[in-house]
Structures are given as C-alpha cells and as structure tokens.
Amino acid sequence: MIEGICPKCGHCYVGWALRVPRNQMCSNCGAALEIYQDGKRVSRGYSPFTAERHRVNLPTNSSPARKTEESSKTEGTHKQP
C-alpha cells in the first residue's frame, strides 16, 4: 500500500492516488509528502511551494522591438460585418 506522510505536520495519506504528482502535497500545510511503499521510502512528493526556482537569462544588449509603419496603421482597424 502506498502511504504519504507530511514531514511538517505529520498528516498521513494512503492510497493509489499518491502515484500522481498533484496528489503528493499535504492539503493541510502545503509541504511535499514523503512517499512510502511497503514500509520503505520510495520518493519525496511534489509541492509547488517547495519547487526549485527557475530563471531565464535574457541577453543584455537586446533592443526592444519597434513597430513598423504598416503595423501601426493596421492596428485597431477591424472591419465589422
């Protein structure tokens, strides 16, 4: 049987739904559950509150896109039937 235990508050969850990452989060405090199967720790669950932070490095010398004359003329001129 699959069992999930919250390391922060101690809540216990049991069932096959713990195989799905969106169910591997404590509904009480939001921490990632520790997943056990047959008494052995299988993995640590997923929680968006404890997920790693990702950043995108943008080029430093890029200039903003400029509107062309044609695109500025056609903006806002939608024909209605």
PDB file of N, CA and C in Angstrom:
ATOM      1  N   MET A   1       0.845  -1.173   0.000  1.00  0.00           N
ATOM      2  CA  MET A   1       0.000   0.000   0.000  1.00  0.00           C
ATOM      3  C   MET A   1       0.892   1.239   0.000  1.00  0.00           C
ATOM      4  N   ILE A   2       0.495   2.239  -0.767  1.00  0.00           N
ATOM      5  CA  ILE A   2       1.261   3.481  -0.841  1.00  0.00           C
ATOM      6  C   ILE A   2       0.784   4.424   0.263  1.00  0.00           C
ATOM      7  N   GLU A   3       1.740   5.036   0.935  1.00  0.00           N
ATOM      8  CA  GLU A   3       1.431   5.915   2.056  1.00  0.00           C
ATOM      9  C   GLU A   3       2.255   7.199   1.916  1.00  0.00           C
ATOM     10  N   GLY A   4       1.635   8.333   2.201  1.00  0.00           N
ATOM     11  CA  GLY A   4       2.336   9.606   2.171  1.00  0.00           C
ATOM     12  C   GLY A   4       2.250  10.271   3.528  1.00  0.00           C
ATOM     13  N   ILE A   5       3.381  10.695   4.050  1.00  0.00           N
ATOM     14  CA  ILE A   5       3.423  11.342   5.365  1.00  0.00           C
ATOM     15  C   ILE A   5       4.035  12.722   5.208  1.00  0.00           C
ATOM     16  N   CYS A   6       3.372  13.711   5.796  1.00  0.00           N
ATOM     17  CA  CYS A   6       3.871  15.081   5.734  1.00  0.00           C
ATOM     18  C   CYS A   6       4.989  15.262   6.756  1.00  0.00           C
ATOM     19  N   PRO A   7       6.164  15.740   6.330  1.00  0.00           N
ATOM     20  CA  PRO A   7       7.271  15.938   7.271  1.00  0.00           C
ATOM     21  C   PRO A   7       7.060  17.123   8.211  1.00  0.00           C
ATOM     22  N   LYS A   8       6.183  18.051   7.842  1.00  0.00           N
ATOM     23  CA  LYS A   8       5.959  19.230   8.680  1.00  0.00           C
ATOM     24  C   LYS A   8       4.896  19.010   9.757  1.00  0.00           C
ATOM     25  N   CYS A   9       3.700  18.555   9.335  1.00  0.00           N
ATOM     26  CA  CYS A   9       2.594  18.470  10.289  1.00  0.00           C
ATOM     27  C   CYS A   9       2.220  17.045  10.678  1.00  0.00           C
ATOM     28  N   GLY A  10       2.755  16.028   9.977  1.00  0.00           N
ATOM     29  CA  GLY A  10       2.513  14.650  10.346  1.00  0.00           C
ATOM     30  C   GLY A  10       1.249  14.025   9.777  1.00  0.00           C
ATOM     31  N   HIS A  11       0.500  14.749   8.945  1.00  0.00           N
ATOM     32  CA  HIS A  11      -0.696  14.168   8.330  1.00  0.00           C
ATOM     33  C   HIS A  11      -0.306  12.932   7.522  1.00  0.00           C
ATOM     34  N   CYS A  12      -1.199  11.940   7.508  1.00  0.00           N
ATOM     35  CA  CYS A  12      -0.934  10.697   6.800  1.00  0.00           C
ATOM     36  C   CYS A  12      -1.983  10.497   5.712  1.00  0.00           C
ATOM     37  N   TYR A  13      -1.546  10.151   4.513  1.00  0.00           N
ATOM     38  CA  TYR A  13      -2.411   9.903   3.371  1.00  0.00           C
ATOM     39  C   TYR A  13      -2.112   8.511   2.843  1.00  0.00           C
ATOM     40  N   VAL A  14      -3.161   7.778   2.449  1.00  0.00           N
ATOM     41  CA  VAL A  14      -2.991   6.415   1.981  1.00  0.00           C
ATOM     42  C   VAL A  14      -3.795   6.228   0.697  1.00  0.00           C
ATOM     43  N   GLY A  15      -3.207   5.546  -0.300  1.00  0.00           N
ATOM     44  CA  GLY A  15      -3.960   5.208  -1.495  1.00  0.00           C
ATOM     45  C   GLY A  15      -3.168   5.345  -2.774  1.00  0.00           C
ATOM     46  N   TRP A  16      -3.748   4.786  -3.838  1.00  0.00           N
ATOM     47  CA  TRP A  16      -3.095   4.771  -5.144  1.00  0.00           C
ATOM     48  C   TRP A  16      -2.970   6.163  -5.751  1.00  0.00           C
ATOM     49  N   ALA A  17      -3.792   7.120  -5.330  1.00  0.00           N
ATOM     50  CA  ALA A  17      -3.741   8.475  -5.884  1.00  0.00           C
ATOM     51  C   ALA A  17      -2.402   9.159  -5.602  1.00  0.00           C
ATOM     52  N   LEU A  18      -1.651   8.657  -4.648  1.00  0.00           N
ATOM     53  CA  LEU A  18      -0.341   9.243  -4.338  1.00  0.00           C
ATOM     54  C   LEU A  18       0.684   8.995  -5.434  1.00  0.00           C
ATOM     55  N   ARG A  19       0.342   8.191  -6.429  1.00  0.00           N
ATOM     56  CA  ARG A  19       1.250   7.980  -7.570  1.00  0.00           C
ATOM     57  C   ARG A  19       1.277   9.194  -8.490  1.00  0.00           C
ATOM     58  N   VAL A  20       0.244  10.024  -8.425  1.00  0.00           N
ATOM     59  CA  VAL A  20       0.124  11.210  -9.281  1.00  0.00           C
ATOM     60  C   VAL A  20       0.748  12.404  -8.548  1.00  0.00           C
ATOM     61  N   PRO A  21       1.668  13.149  -9.192  1.00  0.00           N
ATOM     62  CA  PRO A  21       2.361  14.252  -8.522  1.00  0.00           C
ATOM     63  C   PRO A  21       1.445  15.306  -7.902  1.00  0.00           C
ATOM     64  N   ARG A  22       0.299  15.602  -8.507  1.00  0.00           N
ATOM     65  CA  ARG A  22      -0.560  16.641  -7.935  1.00  0.00           C
ATOM     66  C   ARG A  22      -1.198  16.204  -6.615  1.00  0.00           C
ATOM     67  N   ASN A  23      -1.134  14.915  -6.290  1.00  0.00           N
ATOM     68  CA  ASN A  23      -1.669  14.412  -5.029  1.00  0.00           C
ATOM     69  C   ASN A  23      -0.583  14.177  -3.993  1.00  0.00           C
ATOM     70  N   GLN A  24       0.633  14.595  -4.269  1.00  0.00           N
ATOM     71  CA  GLN A  24       1.757  14.352  -3.374  1.00  0.00           C
ATOM     72  C   GLN A  24       2.090  15.581  -2.531  1.00  0.00           C
ATOM     73  N   MET A  25       1.054  16.379  -2.258  1.00  0.00           N
ATOM     74  CA  MET A  25       1.218  17.595  -1.468  1.00  0.00           C
ATOM     75  C   MET A  25       0.258  17.534  -0.285  1.00  0.00           C
ATOM     76  N   CYS A  26       0.684  17.968   0.872  1.00  0.00           N
ATOM     77  CA  CYS A  26      -0.154  17.978   2.062  1.00  0.00           C
ATOM     78  C   CYS A  26      -1.249  19.033   1.904  1.00  0.00           C
ATOM     79  N   SER A  27      -2.492  18.624   2.072  1.00  0.00           N
ATOM     80  CA  SER A  27      -3.600  19.570   1.954  1.00  0.00           C
ATOM     81  C   SER A  27      -3.725  20.443   3.188  1.00  0.00           C
ATOM     82  N   ASN A  28      -3.036  20.084   4.256  1.00  0.00           N
ATOM     83  CA  ASN A  28      -3.091  20.859   5.489  1.00  0.00           C
ATOM     84  C   ASN A  28      -2.094  22.023   5.483  1.00  0.00           C
ATOM     85  N   CYS A  29      -0.833  21.760   5.113  1.00  0.00           N
ATOM     86  CA  CYS A  29       0.192  22.806   5.188  1.00  0.00           C
ATOM     87  C   CYS A  29       0.882  23.102   3.855  1.00  0.00           C
ATOM     88  N   GLY A  30       0.691  22.263   2.819  1.00  0.00           N
ATOM     89  CA  GLY A  30       1.268  22.524   1.506  1.00  0.00           C
ATOM     90  C   GLY A  30       2.648  21.950   1.281  1.00  0.00           C
ATOM     91  N   ALA A  31       3.187  21.212   2.232  1.00  0.00           N
ATOM     92  CA  ALA A  31       4.526  20.633   2.076  1.00  0.00           C
ATOM     93  C   ALA A  31       4.480  19.396   1.188  1.00  0.00           C
ATOM     94  N   ALA A  32       5.623  19.053   0.600  1.00  0.00           N
ATOM     95  CA  ALA A  32       5.728  17.840  -0.208  1.00  0.00           C
ATOM     96  C   ALA A  32       5.725  16.627   0.718  1.00  0.00           C
ATOM     97  N   LEU A  33       4.922  15.610   0.379  1.00  0.00           N
ATOM     98  CA  LEU A  33       4.835  14.409   1.198  1.00  0.00           C
ATOM     99  C   LEU A  33       6.032  13.501   0.963  1.00  0.00           C
ATOM    100  N   GLU A  34       6.347  12.707   1.974  1.00  0.00           N
ATOM    101  CA  GLU A  34       7.335  11.650   1.808  1.00  0.00           C
ATOM    102  C   GLU A  34       6.544  10.387   1.498  1.00  0.00           C
ATOM    103  N   ILE A  35       6.828   9.774   0.348  1.00  0.00           N
ATOM    104  CA  ILE A  35       6.056   8.641  -0.150  1.00  0.00           C
ATOM    105  C   ILE A  35       6.729   7.328   0.260  1.00  0.00           C
ATOM    106  N   TYR A  36       5.951   6.445   0.881  1.00  0.00           N
ATOM    107  CA  TYR A  36       6.433   5.137   1.325  1.00  0.00           C
ATOM    108  C   TYR A  36       5.610   4.040   0.663  1.00  0.00           C
ATOM    109  N   GLN A  37       6.260   2.933   0.327  1.00  0.00           N
ATOM    110  CA  GLN A  37       5.571   1.761  -0.184  1.00  0.00           C
ATOM    111  C   GLN A  37       6.165   0.531   0.495  1.00  0.00           C
ATOM    112  N   ASP A  38       5.312  -0.261   1.110  1.00  0.00           N
ATOM    113  CA  ASP A  38       5.719  -1.454   1.860  1.00  0.00           C
ATOM    114  C   ASP A  38       6.738  -1.111   2.944  1.00  0.00           C
ATOM    115  N   GLY A  39       6.585   0.027   3.586  1.00  0.00           N
ATOM    116  CA  GLY A  39       7.453   0.430   4.685  1.00  0.00           C
ATOM    117  C   GLY A  39       8.764   1.065   4.279  1.00  0.00           C
ATOM    118  N   LYS A  40       9.060   1.126   2.983  1.00  0.00           N
ATOM    119  CA  LYS A  40      10.306   1.723   2.504  1.00  0.00           C
ATOM    120  C   LYS A  40      10.015   3.058   1.832  1.00  0.00           C
ATOM    121  N   ARG A  41      10.870   4.023   2.098  1.00  0.00           N
ATOM    122  CA  ARG A  41      10.693   5.329   1.461  1.00  0.00           C
ATOM    123  C   ARG A  41      11.018   5.218  -0.023  1.00  0.00           C
ATOM    124  N   VAL A  42      10.035   5.598  -0.844  1.00  0.00           N
ATOM    125  CA  VAL A  42      10.192   5.500  -2.290  1.00  0.00           C
ATOM    126  C   VAL A  42      10.680   6.818  -2.866  1.00  0.00           C
ATOM    127  N   SER A  43      10.060   7.917  -2.461  1.00  0.00           N
ATOM    128  CA  SER A  43      10.441   9.220  -3.012  1.00  0.00           C
ATOM    129  C   SER A  43       9.889  10.336  -2.144  1.00  0.00           C
ATOM    130  N   ARG A  44      10.244  11.537  -2.531  1.00  0.00           N
ATOM    131  CA  ARG A  44       9.678  12.725  -1.907  1.00  0.00           C
ATOM    132  C   ARG A  44       8.704  13.318  -2.913  1.00  0.00           C
ATOM    133  N   GLY A  45       7.527  13.657  -2.464  1.00  0.00           N
ATOM    134  CA  GLY A  45       6.486  14.166  -3.338  1.00  0.00           C
ATOM    135  C   GLY A  45       6.779  15.543  -3.888  1.00  0.00           C
ATOM    136  N   TYR A  46       5.845  16.024  -4.695  1.00  0.00           N
ATOM    137  CA  TYR A  46       5.980  17.321  -5.344  1.00  0.00           C
ATOM    138  C   TYR A  46       5.073  18.326  -4.667  1.00  0.00           C
ATOM    139  N   SER A  47       5.566  19.534  -4.484  1.00  0.00           N
ATOM    140  CA  SER A  47       4.759  20.642  -3.991  1.00  0.00           C
ATOM    141  C   SER A  47       5.196  21.909  -4.712  1.00  0.00           C
ATOM    142  N   PRO A  48       4.243  22.670  -5.261  1.00  0.00           N
ATOM    143  CA  PRO A  48       4.640  23.910  -5.928  1.00  0.00           C
ATOM    144  C   PRO A  48       5.238  24.930  -4.957  1.00  0.00           C
ATOM    145  N   PHE A  49       4.982  24.755  -3.667  1.00  0.00           N
ATOM    146  CA  PHE A  49       5.522  25.678  -2.671  1.00  0.00           C
ATOM    147  C   PHE A  49       6.978  25.388  -2.344  1.00  0.00           C
ATOM    148  N   THR A  50       7.434  24.181  -2.647  1.00  0.00           N
ATOM    149  CA  THR A  50       8.828  23.831  -2.376  1.00  0.00           C
ATOM    150  C   THR A  50       9.611  23.554  -3.656  1.00  0.00           C
ATOM    151  N   ALA A  51       9.021  23.845  -4.808  1.00  0.00           N
ATOM    152  CA  ALA A  51       9.701  23.612  -6.086  1.00  0.00           C
ATOM    153  C   ALA A  51      10.883  24.566  -6.238  1.00  0.00           C
ATOM    154  N   GLU A  52      11.871  24.138  -7.024  1.00  0.00           N
ATOM    155  CA  GLU A  52      13.041  24.981  -7.260  1.00  0.00           C
ATOM    156  C   GLU A  52      12.662  26.186  -8.097  1.00  0.00           C
ATOM    157  N   ARG A  53      13.402  27.245  -7.919  1.00  0.00           N
ATOM    158  CA  ARG A  53      13.152  28.468  -8.667  1.00  0.00           C
ATOM    159  C   ARG A  53      13.962  28.443  -9.956  1.00  0.00           C
ATOM    160  N   HIS A  54      13.318  28.803 -11.051  1.00  0.00           N
ATOM    161  CA  HIS A  54      14.000  28.832 -12.347  1.00  0.00           C
ATOM    162  C   HIS A  54      14.005  30.258 -12.875  1.00  0.00           C
ATOM    163  N   ARG A  55      15.108  30.652 -13.444  1.00  0.00           N
ATOM    164  CA  ARG A  55      15.221  31.989 -14.035  1.00  0.00           C
ATOM    165  C   ARG A  55      15.719  31.865 -15.463  1.00  0.00           C
ATOM    166  N   VAL A  56      15.269  32.771 -16.296  1.00  0.00           N
ATOM    167  CA  VAL A  56      15.686  32.808 -17.682  1.00  0.00           C
ATOM    168  C   VAL A  56      16.663  33.965 -17.843  1.00  0.00           C
ATOM    169  N   ASN A  57      17.834  33.685 -18.393  1.00  0.00           N
ATOM    170  CA  ASN A  57      18.826  34.725 -18.634  1.00  0.00           C
ATOM    171  C   ASN A  57      18.549  35.382 -19.979  1.00  0.00           C
ATOM    172  N   LEU A  58      18.248  36.665 -19.959  1.00  0.00           N
ATOM    173  CA  LEU A  58      17.984  37.403 -21.184  1.00  0.00           C
ATOM    174  C   LEU A  58      19.254  38.080 -21.665  1.00  0.00           C
ATOM    175  N   PRO A  59      19.409  38.259 -22.960  1.00  0.00           N
ATOM    176  CA  PRO A  59      20.583  38.977 -23.458  1.00  0.00           C
ATOM    177  C   PRO A  59      20.566  40.424 -22.959  1.00  0.00           C
ATOM    178  N   THR A  60      21.728  40.946 -22.638  1.00  0.00           N
ATOM    179  CA  THR A  60      21.795  42.291 -22.061  1.00  0.00           C
ATOM    180  C   THR A  60      21.798  43.389 -23.114  1.00  0.00           C
ATOM    181  N   ASN A  61      22.209  43.112 -24.338  1.00  0.00           N
ATOM    182  CA  ASN A  61      22.310  44.163 -25.349  1.00  0.00           C
ATOM    183  C   ASN A  61      21.169  44.115 -26.370  1.00  0.00           C
ATOM    184  N   SER A  62      20.047  43.549 -26.019  1.00  0.00           N
ATOM    185  CA  SER A  62      18.930  43.482 -26.972  1.00  0.00           C
ATOM    186  C   SER A  62      18.122  44.775 -26.923  1.00  0.00           C
ATOM    187  N   SER A  63      17.672  45.216 -28.080  1.00  0.00           N
ATOM    188  CA  SER A  63      16.858  46.423 -28.141  1.00  0.00           C
ATOM    189  C   SER A  63      15.396  46.020 -28.281  1.00  0.00           C
ATOM    190  N   PRO A  64      14.473  46.789 -27.741  1.00  0.00           N
ATOM    191  CA  PRO A  64      13.064  46.430 -27.842  1.00  0.00           C
ATOM    192  C   PRO A  64      12.589  46.484 -29.288  1.00  0.00           C
ATOM    193  N   ALA A  65      11.622  45.668 -29.598  1.00  0.00           N
ATOM    194  CA  ALA A  65      11.075  45.622 -30.963  1.00  0.00           C
ATOM    195  C   ALA A  65      10.335  46.920 -31.259  1.00  0.00           C
ATOM    196  N   ARG A  66      10.544  47.428 -32.453  1.00  0.00           N
ATOM    197  CA  ARG A  66       9.882  48.670 -32.858  1.00  0.00           C
ATOM    198  C   ARG A  66       8.760  48.354 -33.821  1.00  0.00           C
ATOM    199  N   LYS A  67       7.711  49.131 -33.756  1.00  0.00           N
ATOM    200  CA  LYS A  67       6.590  48.935 -34.658  1.00  0.00           C
ATOM    201  C   LYS A  67       6.939  49.518 -36.027  1.00  0.00           C
ATOM    202  N   THR A  68       6.531  48.813 -37.041  1.00  0.00           N
ATOM    203  CA  THR A  68       6.712  49.339 -38.386  1.00  0.00           C
ATOM    204  C   THR A  68       5.520  50.220 -38.718  1.00  0.00           C
ATOM    205  N   GLU A  69       5.648  51.016 -39.760  1.00  0.00           N
ATOM    206  CA  GLU A  69       4.567  51.910 -40.142  1.00  0.00           C
ATOM    207  C   GLU A  69       3.308  51.140 -40.519  1.00  0.00           C
ATOM    208  N   GLU A  70       3.488  50.012 -41.212  1.00  0.00           N
ATOM    209  CA  GLU A  70       2.341  49.224 -41.648  1.00  0.00           C
ATOM    210  C   GLU A  70       1.587  48.636 -40.466  1.00  0.00           C
ATOM    211  N   SER A  71       2.317  48.124 -39.474  1.00  0.00           N
ATOM    212  CA  SER A  71       1.637  47.504 -38.345  1.00  0.00           C
ATOM    213  C   SER A  71       0.914  48.544 -37.496  1.00  0.00           C
ATOM    214  N   SER A  72       1.466  49.771 -37.406  1.00  0.00           N
ATOM    215  CA  SER A  72       0.797  50.797 -36.611  1.00  0.00           C
ATOM    216  C   SER A  72      -0.438  51.335 -37.326  1.00  0.00           C
ATOM    217  N   LYS A  73      -0.446  51.295 -38.664  1.00  0.00           N
ATOM    218  CA  LYS A  73      -1.611  51.759 -39.416  1.00  0.00           C
ATOM    219  C   LYS A  73      -2.760  50.759 -39.320  1.00  0.00           C
ATOM    220  N   THR A  74      -2.426  49.482 -39.283  1.00  0.00           N
ATOM    221  CA  THR A  74      -3.473  48.464 -39.288  1.00  0.00           C
ATOM    222  C   THR A  74      -4.014  48.153 -37.903  1.00  0.00           C
ATOM    223  N   GLU A  75      -3.363  48.627 -36.871  1.00  0.00           N
ATOM    224  CA  GLU A  75      -3.847  48.362 -35.518  1.00  0.00           C
ATOM    225  C   GLU A  75      -5.169  49.080 -35.285  1.00  0.00           C
ATOM    226  N   GLY A  76      -6.113  48.388 -34.708  1.00  0.00           N
ATOM    227  CA  GLY A  76      -7.374  48.988 -34.345  1.00  0.00           C
ATOM    228  C   GLY A  76      -8.333  49.218 -35.502  1.00  0.00           C
ATOM    229  N   THR A  77      -8.026  48.725 -36.678  1.00  0.00           N
ATOM    230  CA  THR A  77      -8.924  48.916 -37.824  1.00  0.00           C
ATOM    231  C   THR A  77      -9.561  47.582 -38.207  1.00  0.00           C
ATOM    232  N   HIS A  78     -10.363  47.081 -37.307  1.00  0.00           N
ATOM    233  CA  HIS A  78     -11.057  45.819 -37.556  1.00  0.00           C
ATOM    234  C   HIS A  78     -12.360  46.100 -38.283  1.00  0.00           C
ATOM    235  N   LYS A  79     -12.598  45.387 -39.342  1.00  0.00           N
ATOM    236  CA  LYS A  79     -13.853  45.546 -40.088  1.00  0.00           C
ATOM    237  C   LYS A  79     -14.924  44.705 -39.437  1.00  0.00           C
ATOM    238  N   GLN A  80     -16.057  45.280 -39.223  1.00  0.00           N
ATOM    239  CA  GLN A  80     -17.166  44.531 -38.645  1.00  0.00           C
ATOM    240  C   GLN A  80     -18.168  44.190 -39.747  1.00  0.00           C
ATOM    241  N   PRO A  81     -18.720  42.986 -39.739  1.00  0.00           N
ATOM    242  CA  PRO A  81     -19.646  42.569 -40.787  1.00  0.00           C
ATOM    243  C   PRO A  81     -20.952  43.313 -40.752  1.00  0.00           C
TER     244      PRO A  81
END
